[in-house]
Amino acid sequence: MHYYILASSAWNAKVTRGDYTRAGTDPAIERCSEAKRIVDQELQRREPRPGDPLPLSYYVGSTLAYFGLPALWSCASDKIAEAERALRVKEKAE
């Protein structure tokens, strides 16, 4: 569910033109390889400059909001499917 919450945070910042920093500091980004790849790729393309008034986490969050939501939803879906498989295995064992 954490990936859905992260996606919601990024989406909310986009819709309300809010602060992307919260989404950009979430450690779950590192565990979703496709979202991490998108963020890394975008940051290489548009690397923040020294003296930029916005923190790096702002750019990470905005990248997720504009390009990474499908990746986050995919990671969330994969984790739910994994949990469902584990439950079926446990039920069969009982």
Protein backbone atom coordinates (compact mmCIF):
# COMPACT_ATOMS: atom_id res chain seq x y z
CA MET A 1 0.00 0.00 0.00
CA HIS A 2 2.98 2.27 0.53
CA TYR A 3 3.43 2.70 -3.25
CA TYR A 4 -0.21 3.76 -3.60
CA ILE A 5 0.26 6.29 -0.80
CA LEU A 6 3.40 7.62 -2.49
CA ALA A 7 1.60 7.88 -5.84
CA SER A 8 -1.26 9.68 -4.09
CA SER A 9 1.16 12.14 -2.51
CA ALA A 10 2.80 12.90 -5.86
CA TRP A 11 -0.57 13.14 -7.63
CA ASN A 12 -1.96 15.45 -4.93
CA ALA A 13 1.04 17.79 -5.23
CA LYS A 14 0.53 17.90 -8.99
CA VAL A 15 -3.21 18.59 -8.82
CA THR A 16 -2.95 21.22 -6.11
CA ARG A 17 0.32 22.68 -7.43
CA GLY A 18 1.67 21.90 -3.99
CA ASP A 19 5.02 20.92 -2.62
CA TYR A 20 6.53 17.87 -4.30
CA THR A 21 9.15 17.52 -1.57
CA ARG A 22 7.12 15.06 0.51
CA ALA A 23 6.82 12.61 -2.36
CA GLY A 24 10.45 13.20 -3.31
CA THR A 25 11.78 12.13 0.08
CA ASP A 26 9.89 8.84 0.37
CA PRO A 27 12.32 5.90 0.72
CA ALA A 28 9.96 3.63 -1.25
CA ILE A 29 11.26 5.25 -4.44
CA GLU A 30 14.47 3.25 -4.03
CA ARG A 31 12.52 -0.03 -3.85
CA CYS A 32 10.53 0.55 -7.04
CA SER A 33 13.12 -0.01 -9.75
CA GLU A 34 11.09 1.49 -12.62
CA ALA A 35 10.24 4.65 -10.64
CA LYS A 36 13.87 4.95 -9.57
CA ARG A 37 15.00 4.59 -13.20
CA ILE A 38 12.59 7.32 -14.31
CA VAL A 39 13.76 9.66 -11.55
CA ASP A 40 17.45 9.00 -12.26
CA GLN A 41 16.95 9.51 -15.99
CA GLU A 42 15.08 12.78 -15.52
CA LEU A 43 17.60 14.11 -13.01
CA GLN A 44 20.44 13.40 -15.44
CA ARG A 45 18.57 15.28 -18.14
CA ARG A 46 17.63 18.20 -15.91
CA GLU A 47 20.19 18.26 -13.13
CA PRO A 48 19.50 20.97 -10.54
CA ARG A 49 22.11 23.70 -10.53
CA PRO A 50 24.13 24.81 -7.49
CA GLY A 51 22.29 27.60 -5.75
CA ASP A 52 18.91 26.34 -6.96
CA PRO A 53 16.37 27.45 -4.32
CA LEU A 54 14.44 24.17 -4.58
CA PRO A 55 15.74 21.01 -2.89
CA LEU A 56 16.54 17.91 -4.92
CA SER A 57 13.56 16.16 -3.32
CA TYR A 58 11.26 18.70 -5.01
CA TYR A 59 12.55 17.63 -8.43
CA VAL A 60 12.29 13.94 -7.50
CA GLY A 61 8.68 14.42 -6.39
CA SER A 62 7.71 16.41 -9.47
CA THR A 63 9.29 13.78 -11.71
CA LEU A 64 7.19 11.11 -10.01
CA ALA A 65 4.06 13.22 -10.38
CA TYR A 66 4.53 13.88 -14.08
CA PHE A 67 6.28 10.74 -15.32
CA GLY A 68 6.40 8.10 -12.59
CA LEU A 69 2.82 7.46 -11.47
CA PRO A 70 2.31 4.42 -13.73
CA ALA A 71 5.56 2.93 -12.40
CA LEU A 72 4.44 3.42 -8.80
CA TRP A 73 1.04 1.88 -9.53
CA SER A 74 2.79 -1.06 -11.16
CA CYS A 75 5.04 -1.59 -8.13
CA ALA A 76 2.01 -1.41 -5.85
CA SER A 77 0.11 -3.92 -7.97
CA ASP A 78 3.10 -6.29 -8.01
CA LYS A 79 3.38 -6.16 -4.21
CA ILE A 80 -0.32 -6.86 -3.77
CA ALA A 81 -0.09 -9.83 -6.13
CA GLU A 82 2.94 -11.07 -4.18
CA ALA A 83 1.01 -10.80 -0.91
CA GLU A 84 -1.97 -12.65 -2.41
CA ARG A 85 0.31 -15.48 -3.58
CA ALA A 86 1.88 -15.72 -0.12
CA LEU A 87 -1.59 -15.91 1.47
CA ARG A 88 -2.64 -18.72 -0.89
CA VAL A 89 0.53 -20.66 -0.06
CA LYS A 90 -0.09 -20.18 3.66
CA GLU A 91 -3.73 -21.27 3.33
CA LYS A 92 -2.72 -24.43 1.44
CA ALA A 93 -0.14 -25.24 4.12
CA GLU A 94 -2.74 -25.02 6.86
